[in-house]
C-alpha atoms as a PDB file:
ATOM      1  CA  UNK A   1      17.236  77.962 -99.298  1.00  0.00           C
ATOM      2  CA  UNK A   2      20.590  78.511-100.994  1.00  0.00           C
ATOM      3  CA  UNK A   3      22.262  75.918-103.213  1.00  0.00           C
ATOM      4  CA  UNK A   4      25.854  76.326-104.414  1.00  0.00           C
ATOM      5  CA  UNK A   5      27.340  74.597-107.452  1.00  0.00           C
ATOM      6  CA  UNK A   6      31.051  74.507-108.317  1.00  0.00           C
ATOM      7  CA  UNK A   7      31.159  76.608-111.462  1.00  0.00           C
ATOM      8  CA  UNK A   8      33.309  77.126-114.561  1.00  0.00           C
ATOM      9  CA  UNK A   9      32.049  78.555-117.858  1.00  0.00           C
ATOM     10  CA  UNK A  10      28.488  77.431-117.254  1.00  0.00           C
ATOM     11  CA  UNK A  11      29.453  73.886-116.244  1.00  0.00           C
ATOM     12  CA  UNK A  12      29.856  71.996-112.972  1.00  0.00           C
ATOM     13  CA  UNK A  13      33.568  72.295-112.121  1.00  0.00           C
ATOM     14  CA  UNK A  14      34.950  68.855-111.335  1.00  0.00           C
ATOM     15  CA  UNK A  15      37.530  69.584-108.604  1.00  0.00           C
ATOM     16  CA  UNK A  16      35.912  71.021-105.479  1.00  0.00           C
ATOM     17  CA  UNK A  17      39.196  72.001-103.818  1.00  0.00           C
ATOM     18  CA  UNK A  18      40.332  73.949-106.896  1.00  0.00           C
ATOM     19  CA  UNK A  19      37.132  75.700-107.846  1.00  0.00           C
ATOM     20  CA  UNK A  20      37.473  79.443-108.347  1.00  0.00           C
ATOM     21  CA  UNK A  21      33.753  80.154-108.505  1.00  0.00           C
ATOM     22  CA  UNK A  22      30.435  78.941-107.154  1.00  0.00           C
ATOM     23  CA  UNK A  23      27.070  79.624-108.723  1.00  0.00           C
ATOM     24  CA  UNK A  24      24.612  80.214-105.898  1.00  0.00           C
ATOM     25  CA  UNK A  25      20.904  79.636-106.459  1.00  0.00           C
ATOM     26  CA  UNK A  26      18.173  81.060-104.228  1.00  0.00           C
ATOM     27  CA  UNK A  27      15.385  78.479-104.240  1.00  0.00           C
ATOM     28  CA  UNK A  28      11.868  78.530-102.838  1.00  0.00           C
ATOM     29  CA  UNK A  29       9.070  75.977-103.343  1.00  0.00           C
ATOM     30  CA  UNK A  30      11.283  73.986-105.745  1.00  0.00           C
ATOM     31  CA  UNK A  31      11.675  77.036-108.003  1.00  0.00           C
ATOM     32  CA  UNK A  32      14.803  79.093-108.689  1.00  0.00           C
ATOM     33  CA  UNK A  33      14.205  82.702-107.677  1.00  0.00           C
ATOM     34  CA  UNK A  34      17.644  84.079-108.528  1.00  0.00           C
ATOM     35  CA  UNK A  35      21.263  83.120-109.051  1.00  0.00           C
ATOM     36  CA  UNK A  36      24.642  84.782-108.634  1.00  0.00           C
ATOM     37  CA  UNK A  37      28.284  83.818-109.057  1.00  0.00           C
ATOM     38  CA  UNK A  38      30.672  84.196-106.130  1.00  0.00           C
ATOM     39  CA  UNK A  39      34.453  83.788-105.997  1.00  0.00           C
ATOM     40  CA  UNK A  40      36.298  81.381-103.749  1.00  0.00           C
ATOM     41  CA  UNK A  41      39.064  84.012-103.455  1.00  0.00           C
ATOM     42  CA  UNK A  42      41.718  81.341-103.793  1.00  0.00           C
ATOM     43  CA  UNK A  43      40.533  79.579-100.641  1.00  0.00           C
ATOM     44  CA  UNK A  44      41.827  76.025-100.319  1.00  0.00           C
ATOM     45  CA  UNK A  45      39.562  73.010 -99.909  1.00  0.00           C
ATOM     46  CA  UNK A  46      39.966  73.051 -96.134  1.00  0.00           C
ATOM     47  CA  UNK A  47      38.358  76.485 -95.821  1.00  0.00           C
ATOM     48  CA  UNK A  48      35.767  76.318 -98.593  1.00  0.00           C
ATOM     49  CA  UNK A  49      33.211  74.740 -96.270  1.00  0.00           C
ATOM     50  CA  UNK A  50      33.509  77.761 -93.978  1.00  0.00           C
ATOM     51  CA  UNK A  51      33.146  80.124 -96.924  1.00  0.00           C
ATOM     52  CA  UNK A  52      29.957  78.378 -98.032  1.00  0.00           C
ATOM     53  CA  UNK A  53      28.593  78.303 -94.491  1.00  0.00           C
ATOM     54  CA  UNK A  54      29.163  82.052 -94.175  1.00  0.00           C
ATOM     55  CA  UNK A  55      27.173  82.537 -97.397  1.00  0.00           C
ATOM     56  CA  UNK A  56      24.272  80.620 -95.881  1.00  0.00           C
ATOM     57  CA  UNK A  57      24.612  77.689 -98.283  1.00  0.00           C
ATOM     58  CA  UNK A  58      22.553  74.631 -97.308  1.00  0.00           C
ATOM     59  CA  UNK A  59      23.353  72.339-100.253  1.00  0.00           C
ATOM     60  CA  UNK A  60      26.534  71.952-102.322  1.00  0.00           C
ATOM     61  CA  UNK A  61      26.513  70.275-105.726  1.00  0.00           C
ATOM     62  CA  UNK A  62      29.895  69.377-107.229  1.00  0.00           C
ATOM     63  CA  UNK A  63      31.812  66.820-109.292  1.00  0.00           C
ATOM     64  CA  UNK A  64      34.713  65.182-107.478  1.00  0.00           C
ATOM     65  CA  UNK A  65      35.530  65.870-103.842  1.00  0.00           C
ATOM     66  CA  UNK A  66      37.956  64.435-101.296  1.00  0.00           C
ATOM     67  CA  UNK A  67      37.195  62.855 -97.948  1.00  0.00           C
ATOM     68  CA  UNK A  68      38.536  65.759 -95.881  1.00  0.00           C
ATOM     69  CA  UNK A  69      36.352  68.273 -97.675  1.00  0.00           C
ATOM     70  CA  UNK A  70      33.321  66.009 -97.264  1.00  0.00           C
ATOM     71  CA  UNK A  71      33.917  65.889 -93.522  1.00  0.00           C
ATOM     72  CA  UNK A  72      34.263  69.683 -93.344  1.00  0.00           C
ATOM     73  CA  UNK A  73      30.981  70.151 -95.198  1.00  0.00           C
ATOM     74  CA  UNK A  74      29.209  67.715 -92.888  1.00  0.00           C
ATOM     75  CA  UNK A  75      30.524  69.561 -89.844  1.00  0.00           C
ATOM     76  CA  UNK A  76      29.282  72.825 -91.379  1.00  0.00           C
ATOM     77  CA  UNK A  77      25.814  71.330 -91.814  1.00  0.00           C
ATOM     78  CA  UNK A  78      25.925  71.486 -95.616  1.00  0.00           C
ATOM     79  CA  UNK A  79      24.288  68.695 -97.610  1.00  0.00           C
ATOM     80  CA  UNK A  80      26.567  67.288-100.324  1.00  0.00           C
ATOM     81  CA  UNK A  81      25.546  66.108-103.778  1.00  0.00           C
ATOM     82  CA  UNK A  82      28.716  64.885-105.522  1.00  0.00           C
ATOM     83  CA  UNK A  83      29.341  63.306-108.919  1.00  0.00           C
ATOM     84  CA  UNK A  84      27.352  65.882-110.890  1.00  0.00           C
ATOM     85  CA  UNK A  85      28.365  67.105-114.341  1.00  0.00           C
ATOM     86  CA  UNK A  86      27.049  69.251-117.177  1.00  0.00           C
ATOM     87  CA  UNK A  87      25.358  72.631-117.357  1.00  0.00           C
ATOM     88  CA  UNK A  88      24.793  74.047-113.860  1.00  0.00           C
ATOM     89  CA  UNK A  89      21.291  75.375-114.584  1.00  0.00           C
ATOM     90  CA  UNK A  90      20.219  71.976-115.912  1.00  0.00           C
ATOM     91  CA  UNK A  91      21.785  70.227-112.917  1.00  0.00           C
ATOM     92  CA  UNK A  92      19.817  72.451-110.543  1.00  0.00           C
ATOM     93  CA  UNK A  93      16.582  71.649-112.355  1.00  0.00           C
ATOM     94  CA  UNK A  94      17.367  67.945-112.070  1.00  0.00           C
ATOM     95  CA  UNK A  95      18.073  68.342-108.351  1.00  0.00           C
ATOM     96  CA  UNK A  96      14.802  70.195-107.754  1.00  0.00           C
ATOM     97  CA  UNK A  97      12.928  67.366-109.499  1.00  0.00           C
ATOM     98  CA  UNK A  98      14.496  64.947-107.010  1.00  0.00           C
ATOM     99  CA  UNK A  99      16.390  63.142-109.783  1.00  0.00           C
ATOM    100  CA  UNK A 100      19.975  64.053-108.879  1.00  0.00           C
ATOM    101  CA  UNK A 101      21.697  61.312-106.872  1.00  0.00           C
ATOM    102  CA  UNK A 102      24.966  61.810-105.010  1.00  0.00           C
ATOM    103  CA  UNK A 103      27.315  59.016-106.018  1.00  0.00           C
ATOM    104  CA  UNK A 104      30.667  60.524-106.921  1.00  0.00           C
ATOM    105  CA  UNK A 105      31.817  60.903-103.324  1.00  0.00           C
ATOM    106  CA  UNK A 106      31.202  57.237-102.562  1.00  0.00           C
ATOM    107  CA  UNK A 107      33.099  55.456-105.341  1.00  0.00           C
ATOM    108  CA  UNK A 108      36.880  55.316-105.001  1.00  0.00           C
ATOM    109  CA  UNK A 109      39.191  53.056-106.972  1.00  0.00           C
ATOM    110  CA  UNK A 110      42.818  54.099-106.777  1.00  0.00           C
ATOM    111  CA  UNK A 111      44.448  51.503-108.996  1.00  0.00           C
ATOM    112  CA  UNK A 112      42.818  52.312-112.330  1.00  0.00           C
ATOM    113  CA  UNK A 113      44.664  54.822-114.471  1.00  0.00           C
ATOM    114  CA  UNK A 114      43.512  54.053-118.009  1.00  0.00           C
ATOM    115  CA  UNK A 115      41.040  56.231-119.875  1.00  0.00           C
ATOM    116  CA  UNK A 116      41.392  59.415-117.858  1.00  0.00           C
ATOM    117  CA  UNK A 117      44.628  61.125-118.824  1.00  0.00           C
ATOM    118  CA  UNK A 118      44.728  64.089-121.201  1.00  0.00           C
ATOM    119  CA  UNK A 119      43.684  63.375-124.763  1.00  0.00           C
ATOM    120  CA  UNK A 120      42.377  59.900-123.961  1.00  0.00           C
ATOM    121  CA  UNK A 121      38.837  58.611-123.937  1.00  0.00           C
ATOM    122  CA  UNK A 122      37.848  59.162-120.335  1.00  0.00           C
ATOM    123  CA  UNK A 123      38.987  62.757-119.879  1.00  0.00           C
ATOM    124  CA  UNK A 124      35.866  64.865-120.153  1.00  0.00           C
ATOM    125  CA  UNK A 125      35.420  67.256-117.289  1.00  0.00           C
ATOM    126  CA  UNK A 126      32.761  69.465-118.821  1.00  0.00           C
ATOM    127  CA  UNK A 127      30.758  66.886-120.726  1.00  0.00           C
ATOM    128  CA  UNK A 128      30.479  69.260-123.691  1.00  0.00           C
ATOM    129  CA  UNK A 129      31.869  66.866-126.286  1.00  0.00           C
ATOM    130  CA  UNK A 130      35.059  68.837-126.842  1.00  0.00           C
ATOM    131  CA  UNK A 131      36.747  69.495-123.520  1.00  0.00           C
ATOM    132  CA  UNK A 132      39.525  67.482-121.924  1.00  0.00           C
ATOM    133  CA  UNK A 133      38.567  68.697-118.483  1.00  0.00           C
ATOM    134  CA  UNK A 134      41.497  71.083-118.030  1.00  0.00           C
ATOM    135  CA  UNK A 135      44.141  68.384-117.544  1.00  0.00           C
ATOM    136  CA  UNK A 136      47.627  69.782-117.555  1.00  0.00           C
ATOM    137  CA  UNK A 137      48.986  72.975-119.111  1.00  0.00           C
ATOM    138  CA  UNK A 138      51.820  71.836-121.398  1.00  0.00           C
ATOM    139  CA  UNK A 139      51.558  73.041-124.995  1.00  0.00           C
ATOM    140  CA  UNK A 140      50.661  70.315-127.481  1.00  0.00           C
ATOM    141  CA  UNK A 141      50.723  72.285-130.757  1.00  0.00           C
ATOM    142  CA  UNK A 142      52.116  75.344-132.527  1.00  0.00           C
ATOM    143  CA  UNK A 143      50.257  78.397-133.792  1.00  0.00           C
ATOM    144  CA  UNK A 144      49.937  82.095-133.073  1.00  0.00           C
ATOM    145  CA  UNK A 145      47.229  81.418-130.462  1.00  0.00           C
ATOM    146  CA  UNK A 146      49.066  78.543-128.772  1.00  0.00           C
ATOM    147  CA  UNK A 147      49.586  79.241-125.076  1.00  0.00           C
ATOM    148  CA  UNK A 148      47.080  82.104-125.106  1.00  0.00           C
ATOM    149  CA  UNK A 149      43.689  82.224-123.386  1.00  0.00           C
ATOM    150  CA  UNK A 150      41.027  82.043-126.092  1.00  0.00           C
ATOM    151  CA  UNK A 151      37.284  82.645-125.866  1.00  0.00           C
ATOM    152  CA  UNK A 152      35.181  80.972-128.528  1.00  0.00           C
ATOM    153  CA  UNK A 153      31.568  80.407-129.409  1.00  0.00           C
ATOM    154  CA  UNK A 154      30.861  77.054-131.025  1.00  0.00           C
ATOM    155  CA  UNK A 155      28.165  74.632-132.121  1.00  0.00           C
ATOM    156  CA  UNK A 156      28.794  70.881-132.220  1.00  0.00           C
ATOM    157  CA  UNK A 157      26.826  68.468-134.389  1.00  0.00           C
ATOM    158  CA  UNK A 158      26.927  64.831-135.441  1.00  0.00           C
ATOM    159  CA  UNK A 159      27.067  63.874-139.128  1.00  0.00           C
ATOM    160  CA  UNK A 160      23.274  63.618-139.309  1.00  0.00           C
ATOM    161  CA  UNK A 161      22.994  67.259-138.250  1.00  0.00           C
ATOM    162  CA  UNK A 162      21.891  66.544-134.673  1.00  0.00           C
ATOM    163  CA  UNK A 163      23.275  69.193-132.322  1.00  0.00           C
ATOM    164  CA  UNK A 164      24.964  67.849-129.181  1.00  0.00           C
ATOM    165  CA  UNK A 165      26.228  71.108-127.741  1.00  0.00           C
ATOM    166  CA  UNK A 166      26.290  74.871-128.296  1.00  0.00           C
ATOM    167  CA  UNK A 167      27.821  77.749-126.368  1.00  0.00           C
ATOM    168  CA  UNK A 168      25.434  80.057-128.245  1.00  0.00           C
ATOM    169  CA  UNK A 169      22.519  78.378-126.490  1.00  0.00           C
ATOM    170  CA  UNK A 170      24.169  79.016-123.116  1.00  0.00           C
ATOM    171  CA  UNK A 171      24.866  82.633-124.037  1.00  0.00           C
ATOM    172  CA  UNK A 172      28.473  82.460-122.822  1.00  0.00           C
ATOM    173  CA  UNK A 173      31.682  81.790-124.785  1.00  0.00           C
ATOM    174  CA  UNK A 174      33.969  78.932-123.786  1.00  0.00           C
ATOM    175  CA  UNK A 175      37.363  80.009-122.377  1.00  0.00           C
ATOM    176  CA  UNK A 176      40.475  77.818-122.537  1.00  0.00           C
ATOM    177  CA  UNK A 177      44.235  77.961-123.061  1.00  0.00           C
ATOM    178  CA  UNK A 178      44.895  76.943-126.651  1.00  0.00           C
ATOM    179  CA  UNK A 179      47.268  73.994-126.961  1.00  0.00           C
ATOM    180  CA  UNK A 180      47.402  73.310-123.223  1.00  0.00           C
ATOM    181  CA  UNK A 181      45.592  69.980-123.449  1.00  0.00           C
ATOM    182  CA  UNK A 182      42.309  71.408-122.191  1.00  0.00           C
ATOM    183  CA  UNK A 183      40.528  70.632-125.468  1.00  0.00           C
ATOM    184  CA  UNK A 184      40.373  67.675-127.806  1.00  0.00           C
ATOM    185  CA  UNK A 185      43.128  67.703-130.430  1.00  0.00           C
ATOM    186  CA  UNK A 186      41.031  68.717-133.438  1.00  0.00           C
ATOM    187  CA  UNK A 187      39.296  71.582-131.633  1.00  0.00           C
ATOM    188  CA  UNK A 188      42.630  72.952-130.365  1.00  0.00           C
ATOM    189  CA  UNK A 189      44.206  72.695-133.823  1.00  0.00           C
ATOM    190  CA  UNK A 190      41.323  74.562-135.445  1.00  0.00           C
ATOM    191  CA  UNK A 191      41.685  77.523-133.068  1.00  0.00           C
ATOM    192  CA  UNK A 192      45.504  77.697-133.102  1.00  0.00           C
ATOM    193  CA  UNK A 193      45.771  80.020-136.144  1.00  0.00           C
ATOM    194  CA  UNK A 194      42.325  81.647-136.220  1.00  0.00           C
ATOM    195  CA  UNK A 195      41.789  85.413-136.349  1.00  0.00           C
ATOM    196  CA  UNK A 196      39.464  87.189-133.930  1.00  0.00           C
ATOM    197  CA  UNK A 197      36.007  87.254-135.492  1.00  0.00           C
ATOM    198  CA  UNK A 198      36.787  84.389-137.858  1.00  0.00           C
ATOM    199  CA  UNK A 199      34.357  81.469-138.117  1.00  0.00           C
ATOM    200  CA  UNK A 200      35.523  78.037-139.256  1.00  0.00           C
ATOM    201  CA  UNK A 201      33.761  74.725-139.846  1.00  0.00           C
ATOM    202  CA  UNK A 202      35.733  71.597-138.977  1.00  0.00           C
ATOM    203  CA  UNK A 203      35.027  67.872-139.292  1.00  0.00           C
ATOM    204  CA  UNK A 204      36.833  65.659-136.787  1.00  0.00           C
ATOM    205  CA  UNK A 205      37.394  61.939-137.112  1.00  0.00           C
ATOM    206  CA  UNK A 206      37.478  59.980-133.829  1.00  0.00           C
ATOM    207  CA  UNK A 207      41.294  60.115-133.801  1.00  0.00           C
ATOM    208  CA  UNK A 208      41.074  63.931-133.590  1.00  0.00           C
ATOM    209  CA  UNK A 209      38.334  63.839-130.971  1.00  0.00           C
ATOM    210  CA  UNK A 210      37.822  61.140-128.335  1.00  0.00           C
ATOM    211  CA  UNK A 211      39.423  58.210-130.131  1.00  0.00           C
ATOM    212  CA  UNK A 212      37.910  54.769-130.537  1.00  0.00           C
ATOM    213  CA  UNK A 213      36.355  52.873-127.605  1.00  0.00           C
ATOM    214  CA  UNK A 214      39.001  51.044-125.571  1.00  0.00           C
ATOM    215  CA  UNK A 215      37.978  47.575-124.316  1.00  0.00           C
ATOM    216  CA  UNK A 216      40.510  47.964-121.482  1.00  0.00           C
ATOM    217  CA  UNK A 217      38.465  50.878-120.167  1.00  0.00           C
ATOM    218  CA  UNK A 218      35.545  48.570-119.349  1.00  0.00           C
ATOM    219  CA  UNK A 219      35.989  47.649-115.685  1.00  0.00           C
ATOM    220  CA  UNK A 220      34.312  44.999-113.553  1.00  0.00           C
ATOM    221  CA  UNK A 221      34.491  45.197-109.749  1.00  0.00           C
ATOM    222  CA  UNK A 222      33.205  43.242-106.818  1.00  0.00           C
ATOM    223  CA  UNK A 223      30.415  45.351-105.351  1.00  0.00           C
ATOM    224  CA  UNK A 224      31.758  44.611-101.864  1.00  0.00           C
ATOM    225  CA  UNK A 225      35.037  46.305-102.833  1.00  0.00           C
ATOM    226  CA  UNK A 226      33.468  49.490-104.219  1.00  0.00           C
ATOM    227  CA  UNK A 227      31.532  51.284-101.446  1.00  0.00           C
ATOM    228  CA  UNK A 228      28.403  52.987-102.742  1.00  0.00           C
ATOM    229  CA  UNK A 229      28.128  50.846-105.861  1.00  0.00           C
ATOM    230  CA  UNK A 230      25.378  48.708-104.356  1.00  0.00           C
ATOM    231  CA  UNK A 231      22.961  51.600-104.940  1.00  0.00           C
ATOM    232  CA  UNK A 232      23.875  52.195-108.582  1.00  0.00           C
ATOM    233  CA  UNK A 233      21.729  51.148-111.525  1.00  0.00           C
ATOM    234  CA  UNK A 234      22.528  50.256-115.138  1.00  0.00           C
ATOM    235  CA  UNK A 235      22.742  53.365-117.298  1.00  0.00           C
ATOM    236  CA  UNK A 236      23.733  55.659-114.449  1.00  0.00           C
ATOM    237  CA  UNK A 237      26.822  57.873-114.774  1.00  0.00           C
ATOM    238  CA  UNK A 238      29.066  58.301-111.738  1.00  0.00           C
ATOM    239  CA  UNK A 239      32.636  59.309-110.994  1.00  0.00           C
ATOM    240  CA  UNK A 240      35.580  57.224-109.901  1.00  0.00           C
ATOM    241  CA  UNK A 241      38.752  58.740-108.474  1.00  0.00           C
ATOM    242  CA  UNK A 242      42.176  57.938-109.885  1.00  0.00           C
ATOM    243  CA  UNK A 243      45.453  57.670-107.971  1.00  0.00           C
ATOM    244  CA  UNK A 244      45.942  61.449-108.275  1.00  0.00           C
ATOM    245  CA  UNK A 245      42.618  62.124-106.588  1.00  0.00           C
ATOM    246  CA  UNK A 246      41.076  63.312-109.865  1.00  0.00           C
ATOM    247  CA  UNK A 247      37.514  62.268-110.719  1.00  0.00           C
ATOM    248  CA  UNK A 248      36.683  60.730-114.086  1.00  0.00           C
ATOM    249  CA  UNK A 249      33.253  59.725-115.388  1.00  0.00           C
ATOM    250  CA  UNK A 250      32.122  56.144-115.905  1.00  0.00           C
ATOM    251  CA  UNK A 251      28.803  54.599-116.921  1.00  0.00           C
ATOM    252  CA  UNK A 252      27.231  51.545-115.327  1.00  0.00           C
ATOM    253  CA  UNK A 253      26.750  49.000-118.115  1.00  0.00           C
ATOM    254  CA  UNK A 254      25.963  45.792-116.203  1.00  0.00           C
ATOM    255  CA  UNK A 255      25.292  44.625-112.672  1.00  0.00           C
ATOM    256  CA  UNK A 256      24.809  41.294-110.923  1.00  0.00           C
ATOM    257  CA  UNK A 257      24.239  40.427-107.284  1.00  0.00           C
ATOM    258  CA  UNK A 258      27.992  40.530-106.647  1.00  0.00           C
ATOM    259  CA  UNK A 259      29.660  42.518-109.461  1.00  0.00           C
ATOM    260  CA  UNK A 260      29.266  45.809-111.289  1.00  0.00           C
ATOM    261  CA  UNK A 261      30.677  46.732-114.720  1.00  0.00           C
ATOM    262  CA  UNK A 262      31.659  50.317-115.499  1.00  0.00           C
ATOM    263  CA  UNK A 263      32.601  51.794-118.881  1.00  0.00           C
ATOM    264  CA  UNK A 264      35.227  54.552-118.613  1.00  0.00           C
ATOM    265  CA  UNK A 265      35.175  55.301-122.341  1.00  0.00           C
ATOM    266  CA  UNK A 266      34.003  58.796-123.159  1.00  0.00           C
ATOM    267  CA  UNK A 267      30.441  58.868-124.459  1.00  0.00           C
ATOM    268  CA  UNK A 268      31.745  60.451-127.685  1.00  0.00           C
ATOM    269  CA  UNK A 269      34.373  57.745-128.291  1.00  0.00           C
ATOM    270  CA  UNK A 270      34.180  56.402-131.835  1.00  0.00           C
ATOM    271  CA  UNK A 271      32.068  59.304-133.109  1.00  0.00           C
ATOM    272  CA  UNK A 272      32.813  61.775-135.889  1.00  0.00           C
ATOM    273  CA  UNK A 273      32.143  65.328-134.710  1.00  0.00           C
ATOM    274  CA  UNK A 274      31.514  68.614-136.508  1.00  0.00           C
ATOM    275  CA  UNK A 275      32.122  72.048-135.036  1.00  0.00           C
ATOM    276  CA  UNK A 276      31.398  75.587-136.165  1.00  0.00           C
ATOM    277  CA  UNK A 277      33.850  77.705-134.147  1.00  0.00           C
ATOM    278  CA  UNK A 278      33.906  81.492-133.801  1.00  0.00           C
ATOM    279  CA  UNK A 279      36.960  83.083-132.163  1.00  0.00           C
ATOM    280  CA  UNK A 280      35.659  85.874-129.936  1.00  0.00           C
ATOM    281  CA  UNK A 281      38.721  86.992-127.968  1.00  0.00           C
ATOM    282  CA  UNK A 282      42.407  86.185-127.402  1.00  0.00           C
ATOM    283  CA  UNK A 283      44.086  87.274-124.176  1.00  0.00           C
END
């Protein structure tokens, strides 16, 4: 069987209708035989289902996805697993173990707008501990690399030395537009004046990373008013959709027979982060 995952720099891309690439896995007997990356060729969300069907895709794994696209996939006979995030290879392994649950397509709350805009706690499209999910493209800083597409290798650690992320381990540099709000403030600032080949070590306080936890980003809903939430469990991460149709991650922190509490704070909120950054290329 063939499984497609929305793909960007090794991670599950969070906007199905805007994805430029899919990583397609050939699977047999719950084992990955091969994988390849295909382009969407600029196809809009309405035609992506047809593109996947023509490629023989039987399962699609993605982050956020709209109702129209879900319907098109159903009509094309493609199983949908929405609400996924993180490294695509790891997501596939989780799916093959039967541990990946589709929840992101079921939860929709269009009134909440805190904790998801650029630079705030809930904006984390890639889940790498440094990315702002590609929100917006206005320049937020000055520097010779500001506004340019940069490719960097990096390693992120906590103060105790524990590594939480590394592009070296994935074997692929991270690509982003410096100063466009795609990265957390401290990461962007570190790259703004770097030279190609230069390596820098930076320590970021929460204010330069994901900020402090915001109590207003802890949300409690009536389960009856949030379709799909009845199947969620404490500790599970899912995606809500804001008024712009953009998904943002939340974590289930409490649940009763009638209500569910979700924390939209980024998992790195309140943490000091350390990065070793190597500038590989500037376009």
